[in-house]
C-alpha atoms as a PDB file:
ATOM      1  CA  UNK A   1     -69.794 107.873-180.502  1.00  0.00           C
ATOM      2  CA  UNK A   2     -71.845 107.323-177.321  1.00  0.00           C
ATOM      3  CA  UNK A   3     -71.921 109.683-174.358  1.00  0.00           C
ATOM      4  CA  UNK A   4     -69.609 107.501-172.244  1.00  0.00           C
ATOM      5  CA  UNK A   5     -66.900 107.442-174.906  1.00  0.00           C
ATOM      6  CA  UNK A   6     -67.237 111.175-175.463  1.00  0.00           C
ATOM      7  CA  UNK A   7     -66.879 111.809-171.717  1.00  0.00           C
ATOM      8  CA  UNK A   8     -63.867 109.489-171.526  1.00  0.00           C
ATOM      9  CA  UNK A   9     -62.229 111.264-174.470  1.00  0.00           C
ATOM     10  CA  UNK A  10     -62.841 114.688-172.917  1.00  0.00           C
ATOM     11  CA  UNK A  11     -61.310 113.627-169.588  1.00  0.00           C
ATOM     12  CA  UNK A  12     -58.365 112.048-171.411  1.00  0.00           C
ATOM     13  CA  UNK A  13     -57.713 115.224-173.376  1.00  0.00           C
ATOM     14  CA  UNK A  14     -57.852 117.377-170.231  1.00  0.00           C
ATOM     15  CA  UNK A  15     -55.533 115.070-168.260  1.00  0.00           C
ATOM     16  CA  UNK A  16     -53.173 114.689-171.211  1.00  0.00           C
ATOM     17  CA  UNK A  17     -53.062 118.464-171.735  1.00  0.00           C
ATOM     18  CA  UNK A  18     -52.265 119.107-168.076  1.00  0.00           C
ATOM     19  CA  UNK A  19     -49.559 116.438-168.157  1.00  0.00           C
ATOM     20  CA  UNK A  20     -47.909 117.869-171.246  1.00  0.00           C
ATOM     21  CA  UNK A  21     -48.132 121.402-169.825  1.00  0.00           C
ATOM     22  CA  UNK A  22     -46.564 120.285-166.535  1.00  0.00           C
ATOM     23  CA  UNK A  23     -43.600 118.700-168.268  1.00  0.00           C
ATOM     24  CA  UNK A  24     -42.774 122.013-169.932  1.00  0.00           C
ATOM     25  CA  UNK A  25     -42.417 123.771-166.563  1.00  0.00           C
ATOM     26  CA  UNK A  26     -38.797 123.974-165.521  1.00  0.00           C
ATOM     27  CA  UNK A  27     -37.436 125.046-162.165  1.00  0.00           C
ATOM     28  CA  UNK A  28     -35.183 128.051-161.780  1.00  0.00           C
ATOM     29  CA  UNK A  29     -31.447 127.227-161.911  1.00  0.00           C
ATOM     30  CA  UNK A  30     -30.541 129.697-159.140  1.00  0.00           C
ATOM     31  CA  UNK A  31     -33.527 129.807-156.746  1.00  0.00           C
ATOM     32  CA  UNK A  32     -33.965 126.692-154.651  1.00  0.00           C
ATOM     33  CA  UNK A  33     -37.148 126.068-152.591  1.00  0.00           C
ATOM     34  CA  UNK A  34     -37.508 125.403-148.873  1.00  0.00           C
ATOM     35  CA  UNK A  35     -36.062 121.970-147.921  1.00  0.00           C
ATOM     36  CA  UNK A  36     -38.539 119.156-148.491  1.00  0.00           C
ATOM     37  CA  UNK A  37     -40.528 121.114-151.061  1.00  0.00           C
ATOM     38  CA  UNK A  38     -42.146 119.480-154.078  1.00  0.00           C
ATOM     39  CA  UNK A  39     -43.074 121.436-157.209  1.00  0.00           C
ATOM     40  CA  UNK A  40     -46.798 121.495-157.988  1.00  0.00           C
ATOM     41  CA  UNK A  41     -46.230 121.291-161.733  1.00  0.00           C
ATOM     42  CA  UNK A  42     -49.835 121.728-162.830  1.00  0.00           C
ATOM     43  CA  UNK A  43     -49.973 125.008-160.872  1.00  0.00           C
ATOM     44  CA  UNK A  44     -46.625 126.319-162.130  1.00  0.00           C
ATOM     45  CA  UNK A  45     -45.642 128.116-165.294  1.00  0.00           C
ATOM     46  CA  UNK A  46     -42.533 129.122-167.239  1.00  0.00           C
ATOM     47  CA  UNK A  47     -42.208 131.657-170.037  1.00  0.00           C
ATOM     48  CA  UNK A  48     -39.164 132.732-172.041  1.00  0.00           C
ATOM     49  CA  UNK A  49     -40.277 136.345-171.746  1.00  0.00           C
ATOM     50  CA  UNK A  50     -42.823 138.075-169.552  1.00  0.00           C
ATOM     51  CA  UNK A  51     -43.181 141.044-167.210  1.00  0.00           C
ATOM     52  CA  UNK A  52     -44.128 141.424-163.553  1.00  0.00           C
ATOM     53  CA  UNK A  53     -44.531 144.380-161.186  1.00  0.00           C
ATOM     54  CA  UNK A  54     -42.445 143.890-158.047  1.00  0.00           C
ATOM     55  CA  UNK A  55     -42.656 146.020-154.920  1.00  0.00           C
ATOM     56  CA  UNK A  56     -39.461 147.587-153.580  1.00  0.00           C
ATOM     57  CA  UNK A  57     -38.646 150.085-150.859  1.00  0.00           C
ATOM     58  CA  UNK A  58     -37.328 153.387-152.206  1.00  0.00           C
ATOM     59  CA  UNK A  59     -34.309 154.086-149.983  1.00  0.00           C
ATOM     60  CA  UNK A  60     -34.635 157.835-150.484  1.00  0.00           C
ATOM     61  CA  UNK A  61     -38.355 158.316-149.834  1.00  0.00           C
ATOM     62  CA  UNK A  62     -38.721 155.250-147.559  1.00  0.00           C
ATOM     63  CA  UNK A  63     -41.933 154.471-149.420  1.00  0.00           C
ATOM     64  CA  UNK A  64     -43.131 151.353-151.209  1.00  0.00           C
ATOM     65  CA  UNK A  65     -42.964 151.612-154.977  1.00  0.00           C
ATOM     66  CA  UNK A  66     -43.495 149.285-157.942  1.00  0.00           C
ATOM     67  CA  UNK A  67     -41.035 148.369-160.655  1.00  0.00           C
ATOM     68  CA  UNK A  68     -41.887 146.436-163.814  1.00  0.00           C
ATOM     69  CA  UNK A  69     -39.233 143.793-164.503  1.00  0.00           C
ATOM     70  CA  UNK A  70     -39.074 142.085-167.899  1.00  0.00           C
ATOM     71  CA  UNK A  71     -37.264 138.906-168.813  1.00  0.00           C
ATOM     72  CA  UNK A  72     -37.320 135.123-168.417  1.00  0.00           C
ATOM     73  CA  UNK A  73     -40.277 134.327-166.147  1.00  0.00           C
ATOM     74  CA  UNK A  74     -41.225 131.613-163.644  1.00  0.00           C
ATOM     75  CA  UNK A  75     -44.350 131.154-161.509  1.00  0.00           C
ATOM     76  CA  UNK A  76     -43.604 128.194-159.245  1.00  0.00           C
ATOM     77  CA  UNK A  77     -45.800 126.720-156.521  1.00  0.00           C
ATOM     78  CA  UNK A  78     -43.969 124.528-154.020  1.00  0.00           C
ATOM     79  CA  UNK A  79     -45.480 122.379-151.250  1.00  0.00           C
ATOM     80  CA  UNK A  80     -43.499 121.002-148.325  1.00  0.00           C
ATOM     81  CA  UNK A  81     -44.339 117.329-147.967  1.00  0.00           C
ATOM     82  CA  UNK A  82     -43.254 114.390-145.827  1.00  0.00           C
ATOM     83  CA  UNK A  83     -41.684 111.301-147.478  1.00  0.00           C
ATOM     84  CA  UNK A  84     -45.155 109.703-147.398  1.00  0.00           C
ATOM     85  CA  UNK A  85     -46.635 112.632-149.307  1.00  0.00           C
ATOM     86  CA  UNK A  86     -48.466 114.445-146.495  1.00  0.00           C
ATOM     87  CA  UNK A  87     -48.261 118.221-146.387  1.00  0.00           C
ATOM     88  CA  UNK A  88     -46.172 119.812-143.632  1.00  0.00           C
ATOM     89  CA  UNK A  89     -48.364 122.541-142.129  1.00  0.00           C
ATOM     90  CA  UNK A  90     -46.259 123.535-139.114  1.00  0.00           C
ATOM     91  CA  UNK A  91     -43.806 125.869-140.894  1.00  0.00           C
ATOM     92  CA  UNK A  92     -44.436 129.559-140.242  1.00  0.00           C
ATOM     93  CA  UNK A  93     -44.258 132.259-142.918  1.00  0.00           C
ATOM     94  CA  UNK A  94     -41.387 133.827-140.964  1.00  0.00           C
ATOM     95  CA  UNK A  95     -39.398 130.587-141.283  1.00  0.00           C
ATOM     96  CA  UNK A  96     -40.081 130.487-145.027  1.00  0.00           C
ATOM     97  CA  UNK A  97     -38.963 134.099-145.445  1.00  0.00           C
ATOM     98  CA  UNK A  98     -35.817 133.711-143.325  1.00  0.00           C
ATOM     99  CA  UNK A  99     -34.818 130.642-145.336  1.00  0.00           C
ATOM    100  CA  UNK A 100     -35.011 132.550-148.624  1.00  0.00           C
ATOM    101  CA  UNK A 101     -33.209 135.571-147.171  1.00  0.00           C
ATOM    102  CA  UNK A 102     -30.306 133.436-145.968  1.00  0.00           C
ATOM    103  CA  UNK A 103     -30.047 131.587-149.289  1.00  0.00           C
ATOM    104  CA  UNK A 104     -30.077 134.871-151.228  1.00  0.00           C
ATOM    105  CA  UNK A 105     -27.430 136.436-148.983  1.00  0.00           C
ATOM    106  CA  UNK A 106     -25.068 133.540-149.754  1.00  0.00           C
ATOM    107  CA  UNK A 107     -25.389 134.463-153.441  1.00  0.00           C
ATOM    108  CA  UNK A 108     -24.847 138.180-152.911  1.00  0.00           C
ATOM    109  CA  UNK A 109     -28.550 139.003-152.920  1.00  0.00           C
ATOM    110  CA  UNK A 110     -30.517 141.405-150.781  1.00  0.00           C
ATOM    111  CA  UNK A 111     -34.037 141.983-149.491  1.00  0.00           C
ATOM    112  CA  UNK A 112     -35.701 144.957-151.200  1.00  0.00           C
ATOM    113  CA  UNK A 113     -39.197 144.697-149.703  1.00  0.00           C
ATOM    114  CA  UNK A 114     -41.131 142.759-147.057  1.00  0.00           C
ATOM    115  CA  UNK A 115     -44.567 142.926-145.506  1.00  0.00           C
ATOM    116  CA  UNK A 116     -46.877 140.387-143.874  1.00  0.00           C
ATOM    117  CA  UNK A 117     -47.801 138.849-147.221  1.00  0.00           C
ATOM    118  CA  UNK A 118     -44.669 138.855-149.339  1.00  0.00           C
ATOM    119  CA  UNK A 119     -40.907 139.054-149.506  1.00  0.00           C
ATOM    120  CA  UNK A 120     -39.036 140.514-152.497  1.00  0.00           C
ATOM    121  CA  UNK A 121     -35.359 139.763-153.078  1.00  0.00           C
ATOM    122  CA  UNK A 122     -32.872 140.664-155.796  1.00  0.00           C
ATOM    123  CA  UNK A 123     -29.834 138.542-156.667  1.00  0.00           C
ATOM    124  CA  UNK A 124     -27.114 139.762-159.062  1.00  0.00           C
ATOM    125  CA  UNK A 125     -25.984 137.483-161.879  1.00  0.00           C
ATOM    126  CA  UNK A 126     -22.584 137.653-163.506  1.00  0.00           C
ATOM    127  CA  UNK A 127     -24.077 137.918-166.982  1.00  0.00           C
ATOM    128  CA  UNK A 128     -24.854 141.484-165.940  1.00  0.00           C
ATOM    129  CA  UNK A 129     -28.503 140.893-165.079  1.00  0.00           C
ATOM    130  CA  UNK A 130     -30.455 140.637-161.839  1.00  0.00           C
ATOM    131  CA  UNK A 131     -32.857 137.919-160.696  1.00  0.00           C
ATOM    132  CA  UNK A 132     -35.973 139.247-158.943  1.00  0.00           C
ATOM    133  CA  UNK A 133     -37.814 136.915-156.566  1.00  0.00           C
ATOM    134  CA  UNK A 134     -41.173 137.378-154.834  1.00  0.00           C
ATOM    135  CA  UNK A 135     -42.054 134.847-152.115  1.00  0.00           C
ATOM    136  CA  UNK A 136     -45.621 134.514-150.857  1.00  0.00           C
ATOM    137  CA  UNK A 137     -48.025 131.645-150.166  1.00  0.00           C
ATOM    138  CA  UNK A 138     -49.840 129.922-147.333  1.00  0.00           C
ATOM    139  CA  UNK A 139     -47.710 128.703-144.440  1.00  0.00           C
ATOM    140  CA  UNK A 140     -50.694 126.788-143.042  1.00  0.00           C
ATOM    141  CA  UNK A 141     -50.693 124.658-146.190  1.00  0.00           C
ATOM    142  CA  UNK A 142     -46.911 124.417-146.445  1.00  0.00           C
ATOM    143  CA  UNK A 143     -47.024 126.350-149.717  1.00  0.00           C
ATOM    144  CA  UNK A 144     -44.571 128.821-151.241  1.00  0.00           C
ATOM    145  CA  UNK A 145     -45.658 130.764-154.293  1.00  0.00           C
ATOM    146  CA  UNK A 146     -42.614 132.098-156.128  1.00  0.00           C
ATOM    147  CA  UNK A 147     -42.568 134.694-158.889  1.00  0.00           C
ATOM    148  CA  UNK A 148     -39.131 134.903-160.510  1.00  0.00           C
ATOM    149  CA  UNK A 149     -37.940 137.122-163.336  1.00  0.00           C
ATOM    150  CA  UNK A 150     -34.415 137.097-164.726  1.00  0.00           C
ATOM    151  CA  UNK A 151     -34.003 140.718-165.732  1.00  0.00           C
ATOM    152  CA  UNK A 152     -32.092 141.033-168.975  1.00  0.00           C
ATOM    153  CA  UNK A 153     -28.560 142.366-168.536  1.00  0.00           C
ATOM    154  CA  UNK A 154     -27.404 145.697-169.787  1.00  0.00           C
ATOM    155  CA  UNK A 155     -24.748 144.841-172.349  1.00  0.00           C
ATOM    156  CA  UNK A 156     -21.368 146.534-172.284  1.00  0.00           C
ATOM    157  CA  UNK A 157     -19.331 145.290-175.206  1.00  0.00           C
ATOM    158  CA  UNK A 158     -16.272 147.549-175.056  1.00  0.00           C
ATOM    159  CA  UNK A 159     -13.021 145.637-175.395  1.00  0.00           C
ATOM    160  CA  UNK A 160      -9.911 147.791-175.431  1.00  0.00           C
ATOM    161  CA  UNK A 161      -6.796 146.819-177.376  1.00  0.00           C
ATOM    162  CA  UNK A 162      -3.243 147.284-176.027  1.00  0.00           C
ATOM    163  CA  UNK A 163      -2.715 150.635-177.789  1.00  0.00           C
ATOM    164  CA  UNK A 164      -6.007 152.043-176.468  1.00  0.00           C
ATOM    165  CA  UNK A 165      -5.213 150.891-172.925  1.00  0.00           C
ATOM    166  CA  UNK A 166      -1.722 152.433-173.072  1.00  0.00           C
ATOM    167  CA  UNK A 167      -3.113 155.750-174.330  1.00  0.00           C
ATOM    168  CA  UNK A 168      -5.726 155.854-171.544  1.00  0.00           C
ATOM    169  CA  UNK A 169      -3.168 154.974-168.872  1.00  0.00           C
ATOM    170  CA  UNK A 170      -0.810 157.695-170.123  1.00  0.00           C
ATOM    171  CA  UNK A 171      -3.598 160.284-170.226  1.00  0.00           C
ATOM    172  CA  UNK A 172      -5.684 159.375-167.174  1.00  0.00           C
ATOM    173  CA  UNK A 173      -3.565 156.931-165.218  1.00  0.00           C
ATOM    174  CA  UNK A 174      -6.366 154.364-165.237  1.00  0.00           C
ATOM    175  CA  UNK A 175      -8.791 152.496-167.478  1.00  0.00           C
ATOM    176  CA  UNK A 176     -12.069 150.672-166.841  1.00  0.00           C
ATOM    177  CA  UNK A 177     -12.426 147.210-168.374  1.00  0.00           C
ATOM    178  CA  UNK A 178     -15.897 145.671-168.745  1.00  0.00           C
ATOM    179  CA  UNK A 179     -14.874 142.714-170.897  1.00  0.00           C
ATOM    180  CA  UNK A 180     -13.538 140.687-167.969  1.00  0.00           C
ATOM    181  CA  UNK A 181     -16.426 138.543-166.683  1.00  0.00           C
ATOM    182  CA  UNK A 182     -16.761 136.044-163.838  1.00  0.00           C
ATOM    183  CA  UNK A 183     -19.092 133.185-162.945  1.00  0.00           C
ATOM    184  CA  UNK A 184     -21.929 133.982-160.558  1.00  0.00           C
ATOM    185  CA  UNK A 185     -20.726 134.471-156.952  1.00  0.00           C
ATOM    186  CA  UNK A 186     -17.282 133.180-157.914  1.00  0.00           C
ATOM    187  CA  UNK A 187     -13.857 134.417-158.931  1.00  0.00           C
ATOM    188  CA  UNK A 188     -13.821 132.032-161.900  1.00  0.00           C
ATOM    189  CA  UNK A 189     -13.221 133.737-165.235  1.00  0.00           C
ATOM    190  CA  UNK A 190     -15.730 133.215-168.025  1.00  0.00           C
ATOM    191  CA  UNK A 191     -14.367 132.217-171.465  1.00  0.00           C
ATOM    192  CA  UNK A 192     -15.545 135.538-172.941  1.00  0.00           C
ATOM    193  CA  UNK A 193     -12.862 137.270-170.833  1.00  0.00           C
ATOM    194  CA  UNK A 194      -9.979 135.784-172.818  1.00  0.00           C
ATOM    195  CA  UNK A 195      -9.896 138.452-175.543  1.00  0.00           C
ATOM    196  CA  UNK A 196      -9.633 141.377-173.115  1.00  0.00           C
ATOM    197  CA  UNK A 197      -7.153 139.567-170.868  1.00  0.00           C
ATOM    198  CA  UNK A 198      -4.883 138.745-173.795  1.00  0.00           C
ATOM    199  CA  UNK A 199      -4.838 142.439-174.696  1.00  0.00           C
ATOM    200  CA  UNK A 200      -3.653 143.136-171.126  1.00  0.00           C
ATOM    201  CA  UNK A 201      -0.916 140.509-171.548  1.00  0.00           C
ATOM    202  CA  UNK A 202       0.266 142.236-174.733  1.00  0.00           C
ATOM    203  CA  UNK A 203       0.146 145.647-173.019  1.00  0.00           C
ATOM    204  CA  UNK A 204       2.395 144.434-170.200  1.00  0.00           C
ATOM    205  CA  UNK A 205       4.836 142.641-172.499  1.00  0.00           C
ATOM    206  CA  UNK A 206       5.148 145.687-174.766  1.00  0.00           C
ATOM    207  CA  UNK A 207       5.726 147.963-171.760  1.00  0.00           C
ATOM    208  CA  UNK A 208       8.011 146.066-169.352  1.00  0.00           C
ATOM    209  CA  UNK A 209       8.349 149.054-167.016  1.00  0.00           C
ATOM    210  CA  UNK A 210       4.599 149.401-166.509  1.00  0.00           C
ATOM    211  CA  UNK A 211       3.349 148.613-163.002  1.00  0.00           C
ATOM    212  CA  UNK A 212      -0.359 148.365-162.254  1.00  0.00           C
ATOM    213  CA  UNK A 213      -2.874 148.033-159.477  1.00  0.00           C
ATOM    214  CA  UNK A 214      -5.495 145.566-160.719  1.00  0.00           C
ATOM    215  CA  UNK A 215      -8.742 146.637-159.099  1.00  0.00           C
ATOM    216  CA  UNK A 216     -11.967 144.699-158.638  1.00  0.00           C
ATOM    217  CA  UNK A 217     -15.266 146.587-158.290  1.00  0.00           C
ATOM    218  CA  UNK A 218     -18.894 145.499-157.756  1.00  0.00           C
ATOM    219  CA  UNK A 219     -22.346 147.078-157.656  1.00  0.00           C
ATOM    220  CA  UNK A 220     -24.267 147.421-154.370  1.00  0.00           C
ATOM    221  CA  UNK A 221     -26.206 144.145-154.606  1.00  0.00           C
ATOM    222  CA  UNK A 222     -25.201 142.167-151.524  1.00  0.00           C
ATOM    223  CA  UNK A 223     -23.519 143.190-148.272  1.00  0.00           C
ATOM    224  CA  UNK A 224     -20.469 145.479-148.103  1.00  0.00           C
ATOM    225  CA  UNK A 225     -18.313 142.709-146.648  1.00  0.00           C
ATOM    226  CA  UNK A 226     -19.432 140.151-149.223  1.00  0.00           C
ATOM    227  CA  UNK A 227     -18.704 142.481-152.133  1.00  0.00           C
ATOM    228  CA  UNK A 228     -15.327 143.509-150.741  1.00  0.00           C
ATOM    229  CA  UNK A 229     -14.134 139.911-150.393  1.00  0.00           C
ATOM    230  CA  UNK A 230     -15.527 138.884-153.785  1.00  0.00           C
ATOM    231  CA  UNK A 231     -13.871 141.816-155.571  1.00  0.00           C
ATOM    232  CA  UNK A 232     -10.536 141.007-153.920  1.00  0.00           C
ATOM    233  CA  UNK A 233     -10.675 137.374-155.051  1.00  0.00           C
ATOM    234  CA  UNK A 234     -11.524 138.451-158.578  1.00  0.00           C
ATOM    235  CA  UNK A 235      -8.647 140.931-158.720  1.00  0.00           C
ATOM    236  CA  UNK A 236      -6.312 138.150-157.537  1.00  0.00           C
ATOM    237  CA  UNK A 237      -7.678 135.839-160.244  1.00  0.00           C
ATOM    238  CA  UNK A 238      -6.843 138.389-162.955  1.00  0.00           C
ATOM    239  CA  UNK A 239      -3.269 138.742-161.638  1.00  0.00           C
ATOM    240  CA  UNK A 240      -2.893 134.950-161.500  1.00  0.00           C
ATOM    241  CA  UNK A 241      -4.116 134.654-165.096  1.00  0.00           C
ATOM    242  CA  UNK A 242      -1.581 137.216-166.299  1.00  0.00           C
ATOM    243  CA  UNK A 243       1.146 135.318-164.460  1.00  0.00           C
ATOM    244  CA  UNK A 244       0.393 132.245-166.583  1.00  0.00           C
ATOM    245  CA  UNK A 245       1.735 134.165-169.597  1.00  0.00           C
ATOM    246  CA  UNK A 246       5.127 134.984-168.066  1.00  0.00           C
ATOM    247  CA  UNK A 247       4.088 138.368-166.730  1.00  0.00           C
ATOM    248  CA  UNK A 248       6.032 139.203-163.565  1.00  0.00           C
ATOM    249  CA  UNK A 249       3.242 139.404-160.983  1.00  0.00           C
ATOM    250  CA  UNK A 250       5.514 141.591-158.849  1.00  0.00           C
ATOM    251  CA  UNK A 251       4.518 144.387-161.229  1.00  0.00           C
ATOM    252  CA  UNK A 252       0.876 143.908-160.273  1.00  0.00           C
ATOM    253  CA  UNK A 253      -1.037 144.553-157.053  1.00  0.00           C
ATOM    254  CA  UNK A 254      -4.538 143.010-156.818  1.00  0.00           C
ATOM    255  CA  UNK A 255      -6.955 145.146-154.804  1.00  0.00           C
ATOM    256  CA  UNK A 256     -10.685 144.702-154.260  1.00  0.00           C
ATOM    257  CA  UNK A 257     -12.838 147.736-153.517  1.00  0.00           C
ATOM    258  CA  UNK A 258     -16.255 146.087-153.471  1.00  0.00           C
ATOM    259  CA  UNK A 259     -19.054 148.601-153.949  1.00  0.00           C
ATOM    260  CA  UNK A 260     -17.149 151.554-152.438  1.00  0.00           C
ATOM    261  CA  UNK A 261     -16.178 153.280-155.709  1.00  0.00           C
ATOM    262  CA  UNK A 262     -19.208 153.366-158.033  1.00  0.00           C
ATOM    263  CA  UNK A 263     -18.884 155.242-161.317  1.00  0.00           C
ATOM    264  CA  UNK A 264     -22.671 155.519-161.697  1.00  0.00           C
ATOM    265  CA  UNK A 265     -25.672 155.334-159.338  1.00  0.00           C
ATOM    266  CA  UNK A 266     -26.783 151.774-158.595  1.00  0.00           C
ATOM    267  CA  UNK A 267     -30.421 152.699-159.219  1.00  0.00           C
ATOM    268  CA  UNK A 268     -30.551 151.313-162.779  1.00  0.00           C
ATOM    269  CA  UNK A 269     -29.279 148.141-164.436  1.00  0.00           C
ATOM    270  CA  UNK A 270     -27.058 150.255-166.683  1.00  0.00           C
ATOM    271  CA  UNK A 271     -25.498 151.867-163.629  1.00  0.00           C
ATOM    272  CA  UNK A 272     -24.979 148.550-161.848  1.00  0.00           C
ATOM    273  CA  UNK A 273     -23.451 147.005-164.980  1.00  0.00           C
ATOM    274  CA  UNK A 274     -20.918 149.828-165.272  1.00  0.00           C
ATOM    275  CA  UNK A 275     -20.033 149.518-161.598  1.00  0.00           C
ATOM    276  CA  UNK A 276     -19.169 145.820-162.051  1.00  0.00           C
ATOM    277  CA  UNK A 277     -15.728 146.162-163.579  1.00  0.00           C
ATOM    278  CA  UNK A 278     -11.991 145.603-163.430  1.00  0.00           C
ATOM    279  CA  UNK A 279      -9.783 148.702-163.489  1.00  0.00           C
ATOM    280  CA  UNK A 280      -6.103 149.038-164.281  1.00  0.00           C
ATOM    281  CA  UNK A 281      -4.404 151.891-162.424  1.00  0.00           C
ATOM    282  CA  UNK A 282      -0.789 153.001-162.901  1.00  0.00           C
ATOM    283  CA  UNK A 283       1.409 152.721-159.823  1.00  0.00           C
END
């Protein structure tokens, strides 16, 4: 093989490898880039599992600290371009940051750290996990460099049967249910909730004199007002579901409490997972 053919083959292999690699990079399903952005696929990377150290502001000490987050990982480079393909270089870093803050707030997220070079945001997911996002890059080049890790959820698998719920209500007057799950940022029930909800139906049918307050609770990810409204809608969804099975909804009062009644500190994923719950309280 002559030198020209060898050079051609080497270039082909490099280009082909980059092309194949780029096609394996997928964008994040929750985090959307600045409007007009195009993914630089050959500079981006996805991994099913990886770890990254994110900065966050410790609310107690008011100091910057690091936290290692493990889970599904994305490193995505976006460039804002015109329809003709030219880079847009007039967007400031402040505008980039404010765009991501606003988008995160709509999803119940919150800013946990910001300095001149980076913005770190957390967004809760209804599978019990949290998405961590770091935004950096060069505004002068219209670039946003995103590091995203979907932290694995802390699993709570307790599903109480009708007899267990009745015993707890008789003894304590209330019971926490973690088997009732909702879609992200919505009051839509996930299919996995059916088993626990059907146990509640049986409980109410077997005890026709039982009256309950159906409470919705959240962790502290997101604003107070956002969490309060979301928890109220979710409590109302549970009552509406029970009504579909001939339960007199006059026996039930839906009430959302947002993040105001945590059962554990919101400083760990385990604590946040236990704070996201539905409670049944005797009236």
